[in-house]
Amino acid sequence: MKRNRIYTLGFRRKRNNLTNYRKRVKVLSSKRPRLVVRRSLKNIQASIAEYNKKGDIIKVATHSQNLKKFGWDYGTGNIPAAYLVGYLLGKKAKSARLDHVILDIGMSKSVKGSRLYAVLAGALDAGLSIPCSKEMLPSKERVNGSHIASYAQLLKKDDSSLRNQFGAFIKSKVDMSNITKNFEQVKSSIDKDFSKG
């Protein structure tokens, strides 16, 4: 195979799989602020960003660690925590007079019912207008954590399996069957916090 001496080097962020420029151009062509969702194993981060030539401007942002201020006792990387992050971000955006945004999941794969779409569901319930297919959102049972509570109840029959799965919560004396109650408490405390101001 004959090779040309001229080689065009691609953009660094494309080479490092950090930016899909085709997807980014499509998102930016909407000329709306972007709901940027990024996830790691233990945390969820969401922000609303506007395009600027010198660099994106972050209007509002939140992180799953911020949920602890509202009384969240459970993991910060699961679907209920992702929903609450989206709900909190949506309330912040509404107070900053941001209503219409578009979802930007970056290089993450689009998986139906995933944590990314749980953030989207929370932002929608907070009052933001975001174009999306309702089929992609997780079910209410997964959003409020009842699937985690039922799994913990199932594992209570085998103590070693329960300790392997939820050992950190058992050490901190947090009952996994109360996750749905804690979810509702955190959601209502977010509502109270934004009804004051």
C-alpha atoms as a PDB file:
ATOM      1  CA  MET A   1       0.000   0.000   0.000  1.00  0.00           C
ATOM      2  CA  LYS A   2       1.428   3.325  -1.090  1.00  0.00           C
ATOM      3  CA  ARG A   3       1.602   6.012   1.597  1.00  0.00           C
ATOM      4  CA  ASN A   4       1.557   9.729   1.060  1.00  0.00           C
ATOM      5  CA  ARG A   5       4.315  11.764   2.669  1.00  0.00           C
ATOM      6  CA  ILE A   6       1.806  14.357   3.883  1.00  0.00           C
ATOM      7  CA  TYR A   7       0.035  13.312   7.051  1.00  0.00           C
ATOM      8  CA  THR A   8      -2.647  15.476   8.613  1.00  0.00           C
ATOM      9  CA  LEU A   9      -2.626  15.249  12.383  1.00  0.00           C
ATOM     10  CA  GLY A  10      -6.132  15.294  13.917  1.00  0.00           C
ATOM     11  CA  PHE A  11      -7.162  17.468  16.825  1.00  0.00           C
ATOM     12  CA  ARG A  12      -5.648  16.384  20.150  1.00  0.00           C
ATOM     13  CA  ARG A  13      -9.023  16.000  21.898  1.00  0.00           C
ATOM     14  CA  LYS A  14     -10.243  13.789  19.049  1.00  0.00           C
ATOM     15  CA  ARG A  15      -7.079  11.646  19.162  1.00  0.00           C
ATOM     16  CA  ASN A  16      -7.474  11.173  22.933  1.00  0.00           C
ATOM     17  CA  ASN A  17     -11.197  10.292  22.606  1.00  0.00           C
ATOM     18  CA  LEU A  18     -12.215  13.341  24.637  1.00  0.00           C
ATOM     19  CA  THR A  19     -14.387  15.156  22.065  1.00  0.00           C
ATOM     20  CA  ASN A  20     -16.563  13.987  19.206  1.00  0.00           C
ATOM     21  CA  TYR A  21     -16.518  17.116  17.068  1.00  0.00           C
ATOM     22  CA  ARG A  22     -19.372  16.039  14.781  1.00  0.00           C
ATOM     23  CA  LYS A  23     -21.654  15.529  17.783  1.00  0.00           C
ATOM     24  CA  ARG A  24     -20.456  18.790  19.361  1.00  0.00           C
ATOM     25  CA  VAL A  25     -21.251  20.798  16.202  1.00  0.00           C
ATOM     26  CA  LYS A  26     -24.772  19.307  16.121  1.00  0.00           C
ATOM     27  CA  VAL A  27     -25.351  20.214  19.763  1.00  0.00           C
ATOM     28  CA  LEU A  28     -23.947  23.728  19.349  1.00  0.00           C
ATOM     29  CA  SER A  29     -26.011  24.372  16.213  1.00  0.00           C
ATOM     30  CA  SER A  30     -29.155  24.359  18.400  1.00  0.00           C
ATOM     31  CA  LYS A  31     -27.871  27.658  19.910  1.00  0.00           C
ATOM     32  CA  ARG A  32     -29.244  26.643  23.307  1.00  0.00           C
ATOM     33  CA  PRO A  33     -27.408  26.238  26.605  1.00  0.00           C
ATOM     34  CA  ARG A  34     -26.241  22.653  27.136  1.00  0.00           C
ATOM     35  CA  LEU A  35     -27.039  20.365  30.058  1.00  0.00           C
ATOM     36  CA  VAL A  36     -23.602  18.760  30.364  1.00  0.00           C
ATOM     37  CA  VAL A  37     -23.638  15.457  32.296  1.00  0.00           C
ATOM     38  CA  ARG A  38     -20.459  13.623  33.243  1.00  0.00           C
ATOM     39  CA  ARG A  39     -20.208  10.523  35.411  1.00  0.00           C
ATOM     40  CA  SER A  40     -17.606   8.493  37.234  1.00  0.00           C
ATOM     41  CA  LEU A  41     -18.000   5.291  39.245  1.00  0.00           C
ATOM     42  CA  LYS A  42     -18.877   7.071  42.490  1.00  0.00           C
ATOM     43  CA  ASN A  43     -20.078  10.534  41.436  1.00  0.00           C
ATOM     44  CA  ILE A  44     -22.250  12.456  38.998  1.00  0.00           C
ATOM     45  CA  GLN A  45     -21.502  15.988  37.832  1.00  0.00           C
ATOM     46  CA  ALA A  46     -23.939  18.179  35.907  1.00  0.00           C
ATOM     47  CA  SER A  47     -23.754  21.751  34.681  1.00  0.00           C
ATOM     48  CA  ILE A  48     -25.403  24.113  32.243  1.00  0.00           C
ATOM     49  CA  ALA A  49     -22.903  25.642  29.840  1.00  0.00           C
ATOM     50  CA  GLU A  50     -23.117  28.231  27.093  1.00  0.00           C
ATOM     51  CA  TYR A  51     -20.768  28.323  24.121  1.00  0.00           C
ATOM     52  CA  ASN A  52     -18.115  31.017  23.913  1.00  0.00           C
ATOM     53  CA  LYS A  53     -15.207  31.295  21.469  1.00  0.00           C
ATOM     54  CA  LYS A  54     -12.708  31.557  24.322  1.00  0.00           C
ATOM     55  CA  GLY A  55     -14.255  28.599  26.175  1.00  0.00           C
ATOM     56  CA  ASP A  56     -17.610  27.427  27.483  1.00  0.00           C
ATOM     57  CA  ILE A  57     -19.221  29.555  30.194  1.00  0.00           C
ATOM     58  CA  ILE A  58     -20.712  27.556  33.071  1.00  0.00           C
ATOM     59  CA  LYS A  59     -23.949  29.158  34.238  1.00  0.00           C
ATOM     60  CA  VAL A  60     -24.895  26.719  37.022  1.00  0.00           C
ATOM     61  CA  ALA A  61     -23.347  23.461  38.205  1.00  0.00           C
ATOM     62  CA  THR A  62     -23.792  20.780  40.841  1.00  0.00           C
ATOM     63  CA  HIS A  63     -22.113  17.603  41.993  1.00  0.00           C
ATOM     64  CA  SER A  64     -23.481  14.502  43.696  1.00  0.00           C
ATOM     65  CA  GLN A  65     -21.417  15.305  46.825  1.00  0.00           C
ATOM     66  CA  ASN A  66     -23.651  18.400  47.256  1.00  0.00           C
ATOM     67  CA  LEU A  67     -26.578  16.079  48.061  1.00  0.00           C
ATOM     68  CA  LYS A  68     -25.094  15.403  51.500  1.00  0.00           C
ATOM     69  CA  LYS A  69     -25.966  18.999  52.482  1.00  0.00           C
ATOM     70  CA  PHE A  70     -29.610  18.104  51.885  1.00  0.00           C
ATOM     71  CA  GLY A  71     -29.415  14.904  53.976  1.00  0.00           C
ATOM     72  CA  TRP A  72     -28.561  12.211  51.402  1.00  0.00           C
ATOM     73  CA  ASP A  73     -27.099   9.231  53.297  1.00  0.00           C
ATOM     74  CA  TYR A  74     -26.518   6.771  50.462  1.00  0.00           C
ATOM     75  CA  GLY A  75     -24.143   6.324  47.524  1.00  0.00           C
ATOM     76  CA  THR A  76     -23.503   9.271  45.232  1.00  0.00           C
ATOM     77  CA  GLY A  77     -23.037   7.295  42.026  1.00  0.00           C
ATOM     78  CA  ASN A  78     -26.377   5.480  41.722  1.00  0.00           C
ATOM     79  CA  ILE A  79     -29.575   6.271  39.793  1.00  0.00           C
ATOM     80  CA  PRO A  80     -31.463   7.961  42.694  1.00  0.00           C
ATOM     81  CA  ALA A  81     -28.457  10.213  43.345  1.00  0.00           C
ATOM     82  CA  ALA A  82     -28.246  11.025  39.617  1.00  0.00           C
ATOM     83  CA  TYR A  83     -31.930  12.000  39.581  1.00  0.00           C
ATOM     84  CA  LEU A  84     -31.444  14.253  42.623  1.00  0.00           C
ATOM     85  CA  VAL A  85     -28.420  15.904  40.963  1.00  0.00           C
ATOM     86  CA  GLY A  86     -30.577  16.680  37.928  1.00  0.00           C
ATOM     87  CA  TYR A  87     -33.403  17.922  40.153  1.00  0.00           C
ATOM     88  CA  LEU A  88     -31.051  20.200  42.114  1.00  0.00           C
ATOM     89  CA  LEU A  89     -29.476  21.514  38.915  1.00  0.00           C
ATOM     90  CA  GLY A  90     -32.921  22.153  37.429  1.00  0.00           C
ATOM     91  CA  LYS A  91     -33.936  24.205  40.470  1.00  0.00           C
ATOM     92  CA  LYS A  92     -30.702  26.210  40.267  1.00  0.00           C
ATOM     93  CA  ALA A  93     -31.268  26.793  36.541  1.00  0.00           C
ATOM     94  CA  LYS A  94     -34.841  27.966  37.082  1.00  0.00           C
ATOM     95  CA  SER A  95     -33.657  30.457  39.713  1.00  0.00           C
ATOM     96  CA  ALA A  96     -31.010  31.659  37.199  1.00  0.00           C
ATOM     97  CA  ARG A  97     -33.812  32.067  34.593  1.00  0.00           C
ATOM     98  CA  LEU A  98     -32.618  29.279  32.339  1.00  0.00           C
ATOM     99  CA  ASP A  99     -35.547  27.315  30.904  1.00  0.00           C
ATOM    100  CA  HIS A 100     -34.670  25.741  27.543  1.00  0.00           C
ATOM    101  CA  VAL A 101     -31.554  23.554  27.352  1.00  0.00           C
ATOM    102  CA  ILE A 102     -30.295  20.609  25.312  1.00  0.00           C
ATOM    103  CA  LEU A 103     -28.650  17.431  26.647  1.00  0.00           C
ATOM    104  CA  ASP A 104     -24.908  16.897  26.123  1.00  0.00           C
ATOM    105  CA  ILE A 105     -23.588  13.513  27.286  1.00  0.00           C
ATOM    106  CA  GLY A 106     -20.197  13.916  25.615  1.00  0.00           C
ATOM    107  CA  MET A 107     -18.384  10.665  24.780  1.00  0.00           C
ATOM    108  CA  SER A 108     -20.617   8.520  27.031  1.00  0.00           C
ATOM    109  CA  LYS A 109     -22.739   5.848  25.380  1.00  0.00           C
ATOM    110  CA  SER A 110     -26.462   6.475  25.243  1.00  0.00           C
ATOM    111  CA  VAL A 111     -28.034   3.662  27.301  1.00  0.00           C
ATOM    112  CA  LYS A 112     -31.754   3.579  28.006  1.00  0.00           C
ATOM    113  CA  GLY A 113     -32.545   4.142  31.699  1.00  0.00           C
ATOM    114  CA  SER A 114     -28.945   4.930  32.656  1.00  0.00           C
ATOM    115  CA  ARG A 115     -27.661   7.447  35.210  1.00  0.00           C
ATOM    116  CA  LEU A 116     -27.255  10.039  32.443  1.00  0.00           C
ATOM    117  CA  TYR A 117     -30.965   9.865  31.695  1.00  0.00           C
ATOM    118  CA  ALA A 118     -31.775   9.875  35.426  1.00  0.00           C
ATOM    119  CA  VAL A 119     -30.130  13.323  35.577  1.00  0.00           C
ATOM    120  CA  LEU A 120     -32.270  14.332  32.605  1.00  0.00           C
ATOM    121  CA  ALA A 121     -35.424  13.055  34.356  1.00  0.00           C
ATOM    122  CA  GLY A 122     -34.588  15.110  37.453  1.00  0.00           C
ATOM    123  CA  ALA A 123     -34.015  18.250  35.390  1.00  0.00           C
ATOM    124  CA  LEU A 124     -37.323  17.719  33.573  1.00  0.00           C
ATOM    125  CA  ASP A 125     -39.197  17.293  36.867  1.00  0.00           C
ATOM    126  CA  ALA A 126     -37.583  20.498  38.165  1.00  0.00           C
ATOM    127  CA  GLY A 127     -39.217  22.387  35.289  1.00  0.00           C
ATOM    128  CA  LEU A 128     -36.602  22.606  32.547  1.00  0.00           C
ATOM    129  CA  SER A 129     -37.636  22.194  28.923  1.00  0.00           C
ATOM    130  CA  ILE A 130     -35.349  19.616  27.279  1.00  0.00           C
ATOM    131  CA  PRO A 131     -36.138  17.775  24.033  1.00  0.00           C
ATOM    132  CA  CYS A 132     -35.983  14.030  24.670  1.00  0.00           C
ATOM    133  CA  SER A 133     -37.741  10.711  24.195  1.00  0.00           C
ATOM    134  CA  LYS A 134     -39.618   9.639  27.335  1.00  0.00           C
ATOM    135  CA  GLU A 135     -38.729   6.004  26.572  1.00  0.00           C
ATOM    136  CA  MET A 136     -35.076   6.696  27.432  1.00  0.00           C
ATOM    137  CA  LEU A 137     -35.855   7.818  31.007  1.00  0.00           C
ATOM    138  CA  PRO A 138     -35.567   5.310  33.885  1.00  0.00           C
ATOM    139  CA  SER A 139     -38.735   4.028  35.572  1.00  0.00           C
ATOM    140  CA  LYS A 140     -40.039   5.614  38.799  1.00  0.00           C
ATOM    141  CA  GLU A 141     -39.071   2.483  40.773  1.00  0.00           C
ATOM    142  CA  ARG A 142     -35.447   2.893  39.713  1.00  0.00           C
ATOM    143  CA  VAL A 143     -35.479   6.658  40.215  1.00  0.00           C
ATOM    144  CA  ASN A 144     -36.651   6.544  43.850  1.00  0.00           C
ATOM    145  CA  GLY A 145     -34.365   3.613  44.718  1.00  0.00           C
ATOM    146  CA  SER A 146     -37.010   0.987  45.476  1.00  0.00           C
ATOM    147  CA  HIS A 147     -35.047  -1.501  43.329  1.00  0.00           C
ATOM    148  CA  ILE A 148     -32.058  -1.041  45.682  1.00  0.00           C
ATOM    149  CA  ALA A 149     -34.271  -1.490  48.760  1.00  0.00           C
ATOM    150  CA  SER A 150     -35.853  -4.667  47.394  1.00  0.00           C
ATOM    151  CA  TYR A 151     -32.408  -6.061  46.495  1.00  0.00           C
ATOM    152  CA  ALA A 152     -31.194  -5.340  50.051  1.00  0.00           C
ATOM    153  CA  GLN A 153     -34.262  -7.158  51.430  1.00  0.00           C
ATOM    154  CA  LEU A 154     -33.468 -10.124  49.195  1.00  0.00           C
ATOM    155  CA  LEU A 155     -29.859 -10.245  50.430  1.00  0.00           C
ATOM    156  CA  LYS A 156     -30.878 -10.121  54.106  1.00  0.00           C
ATOM    157  CA  LYS A 157     -31.399 -13.890  53.902  1.00  0.00           C
ATOM    158  CA  ASP A 158     -27.648 -14.338  53.332  1.00  0.00           C
ATOM    159  CA  ASP A 159     -25.628 -12.179  55.748  1.00  0.00           C
ATOM    160  CA  SER A 160     -22.275 -12.609  53.954  1.00  0.00           C
ATOM    161  CA  SER A 161     -23.721 -11.471  50.598  1.00  0.00           C
ATOM    162  CA  LEU A 162     -25.341  -8.475  52.298  1.00  0.00           C
ATOM    163  CA  ARG A 163     -22.023  -7.473  53.882  1.00  0.00           C
ATOM    164  CA  ASN A 164     -20.169  -7.887  50.577  1.00  0.00           C
ATOM    165  CA  GLN A 165     -22.637  -5.691  48.711  1.00  0.00           C
ATOM    166  CA  PHE A 166     -23.544  -3.066  51.338  1.00  0.00           C
ATOM    167  CA  GLY A 167     -20.721  -3.397  53.887  1.00  0.00           C
ATOM    168  CA  ALA A 168     -19.821   0.305  53.953  1.00  0.00           C
ATOM    169  CA  PHE A 169     -23.421   1.278  54.695  1.00  0.00           C
ATOM    170  CA  ILE A 170     -23.752  -1.379  57.405  1.00  0.00           C
ATOM    171  CA  LYS A 171     -20.596   0.010  59.112  1.00  0.00           C
ATOM    172  CA  SER A 172     -22.058   3.521  59.066  1.00  0.00           C
ATOM    173  CA  LYS A 173     -25.392   2.115  60.366  1.00  0.00           C
ATOM    174  CA  VAL A 174     -27.429   3.133  57.311  1.00  0.00           C
ATOM    175  CA  ASP A 175     -30.386   0.878  56.504  1.00  0.00           C
ATOM    176  CA  MET A 176     -30.655   0.272  52.756  1.00  0.00           C
ATOM    177  CA  SER A 177     -34.396  -0.408  52.989  1.00  0.00           C
ATOM    178  CA  ASN A 178     -34.976   3.289  53.887  1.00  0.00           C
ATOM    179  CA  ILE A 179     -33.489   4.659  50.657  1.00  0.00           C
ATOM    180  CA  THR A 180     -36.899   5.608  49.203  1.00  0.00           C
ATOM    181  CA  LYS A 181     -37.808   7.591  52.357  1.00  0.00           C
ATOM    182  CA  ASN A 182     -34.469   9.375  52.281  1.00  0.00           C
ATOM    183  CA  PHE A 183     -34.966  10.097  48.561  1.00  0.00           C
ATOM    184  CA  GLU A 184     -38.311  11.823  49.241  1.00  0.00           C
ATOM    185  CA  GLN A 185     -36.851  13.747  52.196  1.00  0.00           C
ATOM    186  CA  VAL A 186     -33.942  15.067  50.131  1.00  0.00           C
ATOM    187  CA  LYS A 187     -36.249  16.027  47.267  1.00  0.00           C
ATOM    188  CA  SER A 188     -38.576  17.946  49.619  1.00  0.00           C
ATOM    189  CA  SER A 189     -35.618  19.685  51.310  1.00  0.00           C
ATOM    190  CA  ILE A 190     -34.366  20.813  47.875  1.00  0.00           C
ATOM    191  CA  ASP A 191     -37.859  22.206  47.182  1.00  0.00           C
ATOM    192  CA  LYS A 192     -37.904  24.019  50.548  1.00  0.00           C
ATOM    193  CA  ASP A 193     -34.451  25.482  49.961  1.00  0.00           C
ATOM    194  CA  PHE A 194     -35.478  26.995  46.613  1.00  0.00           C
ATOM    195  CA  SER A 195     -38.923  28.132  47.796  1.00  0.00           C
ATOM    196  CA  LYS A 196     -37.191  30.420  50.351  1.00  0.00           C
ATOM    197  CA  GLY A 197     -35.098  32.307  47.815  1.00  0.00           C
END
